[in-house]
């Protein structure tokens, strides 16, 4: 699926065969965020980048029908 706007990629999903995160891991990330764990520490736990954790929290990556951590508090 291609985006209609040049330079914009569609959101990442769990369907990618090379994805390091799955739905269960994203749920664990949300739990860590609610507990106040830093993005850096979470990124190291799951072997992903700091930016990936930011994007999971903002809903840009791996949307699973949930609000961001800040919206849930």
C-alpha atoms as a PDB file:
ATOM      1  CA  UNK A   1       0.000   0.000   0.000  1.00  0.00           C
ATOM      2  CA  UNK A   2       1.446   3.344  -1.023  1.00  0.00           C
ATOM      3  CA  UNK A   3       0.710   6.717   0.422  1.00  0.00           C
ATOM      4  CA  UNK A   4      -0.706   9.287  -1.941  1.00  0.00           C
ATOM      5  CA  UNK A   5       1.632  11.975  -0.612  1.00  0.00           C
ATOM      6  CA  UNK A   6       5.227  11.808  -1.812  1.00  0.00           C
ATOM      7  CA  UNK A   7       7.667  11.175   1.017  1.00  0.00           C
ATOM      8  CA  UNK A   8       5.075   9.901   3.503  1.00  0.00           C
ATOM      9  CA  UNK A   9       5.020   6.268   4.484  1.00  0.00           C
ATOM     10  CA  UNK A  10       1.975   4.421   5.795  1.00  0.00           C
ATOM     11  CA  UNK A  11       2.095   3.571   9.534  1.00  0.00           C
ATOM     12  CA  UNK A  12       4.037   0.467  10.506  1.00  0.00           C
ATOM     13  CA  UNK A  13       2.034  -2.530  11.558  1.00  0.00           C
ATOM     14  CA  UNK A  14       2.404  -5.942  13.133  1.00  0.00           C
ATOM     15  CA  UNK A  15       2.159  -7.611   9.717  1.00  0.00           C
ATOM     16  CA  UNK A  16       5.787  -6.908   8.812  1.00  0.00           C
ATOM     17  CA  UNK A  17       7.878 -10.048   8.964  1.00  0.00           C
ATOM     18  CA  UNK A  18      10.887  -8.055  10.131  1.00  0.00           C
ATOM     19  CA  UNK A  19       9.065  -6.191  12.930  1.00  0.00           C
ATOM     20  CA  UNK A  20      10.802  -6.436  16.295  1.00  0.00           C
ATOM     21  CA  UNK A  21       7.573  -5.634  18.137  1.00  0.00           C
ATOM     22  CA  UNK A  22       4.330  -7.538  18.238  1.00  0.00           C
ATOM     23  CA  UNK A  23       1.041  -6.656  19.901  1.00  0.00           C
ATOM     24  CA  UNK A  24       2.052  -8.244  23.226  1.00  0.00           C
ATOM     25  CA  UNK A  25       5.321  -6.327  23.336  1.00  0.00           C
ATOM     26  CA  UNK A  26       3.534  -3.060  22.560  1.00  0.00           C
ATOM     27  CA  UNK A  27       1.164  -3.731  25.458  1.00  0.00           C
ATOM     28  CA  UNK A  28       4.218  -4.271  27.686  1.00  0.00           C
ATOM     29  CA  UNK A  29       5.647  -0.970  26.441  1.00  0.00           C
ATOM     30  CA  UNK A  30       2.411   0.815  27.389  1.00  0.00           C
ATOM     31  CA  UNK A  31       2.621  -0.732  30.871  1.00  0.00           C
ATOM     32  CA  UNK A  32       6.214   0.453  31.277  1.00  0.00           C
ATOM     33  CA  UNK A  33       5.232   3.956  30.117  1.00  0.00           C
ATOM     34  CA  UNK A  34       2.368   4.091  32.636  1.00  0.00           C
ATOM     35  CA  UNK A  35       4.801   3.081  35.376  1.00  0.00           C
ATOM     36  CA  UNK A  36       7.049   6.009  34.450  1.00  0.00           C
ATOM     37  CA  UNK A  37       9.903   4.065  32.881  1.00  0.00           C
ATOM     38  CA  UNK A  38      12.023   6.262  30.604  1.00  0.00           C
ATOM     39  CA  UNK A  39      11.883   5.914  26.825  1.00  0.00           C
ATOM     40  CA  UNK A  40      15.597   5.075  26.802  1.00  0.00           C
ATOM     41  CA  UNK A  41      15.212   2.242  29.321  1.00  0.00           C
ATOM     42  CA  UNK A  42      12.216   0.794  27.457  1.00  0.00           C
ATOM     43  CA  UNK A  43      14.074   1.022  24.140  1.00  0.00           C
ATOM     44  CA  UNK A  44      16.958  -0.972  25.621  1.00  0.00           C
ATOM     45  CA  UNK A  45      14.560  -3.587  27.066  1.00  0.00           C
ATOM     46  CA  UNK A  46      12.993  -4.238  23.657  1.00  0.00           C
ATOM     47  CA  UNK A  47      16.088  -3.669  21.475  1.00  0.00           C
ATOM     48  CA  UNK A  48      14.499  -0.797  19.558  1.00  0.00           C
ATOM     49  CA  UNK A  49      15.326   2.897  19.244  1.00  0.00           C
ATOM     50  CA  UNK A  50      14.243   5.721  21.523  1.00  0.00           C
ATOM     51  CA  UNK A  51      12.291   7.141  18.562  1.00  0.00           C
ATOM     52  CA  UNK A  52      10.372   3.878  18.150  1.00  0.00           C
ATOM     53  CA  UNK A  53       9.164   4.116  21.750  1.00  0.00           C
ATOM     54  CA  UNK A  54       8.127   7.743  21.170  1.00  0.00           C
ATOM     55  CA  UNK A  55       6.234   6.704  18.042  1.00  0.00           C
ATOM     56  CA  UNK A  56       4.509   3.802  19.802  1.00  0.00           C
ATOM     57  CA  UNK A  57       3.399   6.148  22.579  1.00  0.00           C
ATOM     58  CA  UNK A  58       2.148   8.794  20.158  1.00  0.00           C
ATOM     59  CA  UNK A  59       0.226   6.214  18.119  1.00  0.00           C
ATOM     60  CA  UNK A  60       2.254   6.730  14.962  1.00  0.00           C
ATOM     61  CA  UNK A  61       3.530   3.139  15.015  1.00  0.00           C
ATOM     62  CA  UNK A  62       1.654  -0.013  15.925  1.00  0.00           C
ATOM     63  CA  UNK A  63      -1.789   1.395  16.557  1.00  0.00           C
ATOM     64  CA  UNK A  64      -3.844  -1.133  18.467  1.00  0.00           C
ATOM     65  CA  UNK A  65      -6.966   0.905  19.022  1.00  0.00           C
ATOM     66  CA  UNK A  66      -5.737   2.542  22.194  1.00  0.00           C
ATOM     67  CA  UNK A  67      -4.976   6.060  23.317  1.00  0.00           C
ATOM     68  CA  UNK A  68      -1.423   7.138  24.042  1.00  0.00           C
ATOM     69  CA  UNK A  69      -0.066   6.637  27.529  1.00  0.00           C
ATOM     70  CA  UNK A  70      -0.617  10.315  28.416  1.00  0.00           C
ATOM     71  CA  UNK A  71      -4.252  10.162  27.275  1.00  0.00           C
ATOM     72  CA  UNK A  72      -4.877   7.076  29.414  1.00  0.00           C
ATOM     73  CA  UNK A  73      -3.653   8.650  32.652  1.00  0.00           C
END
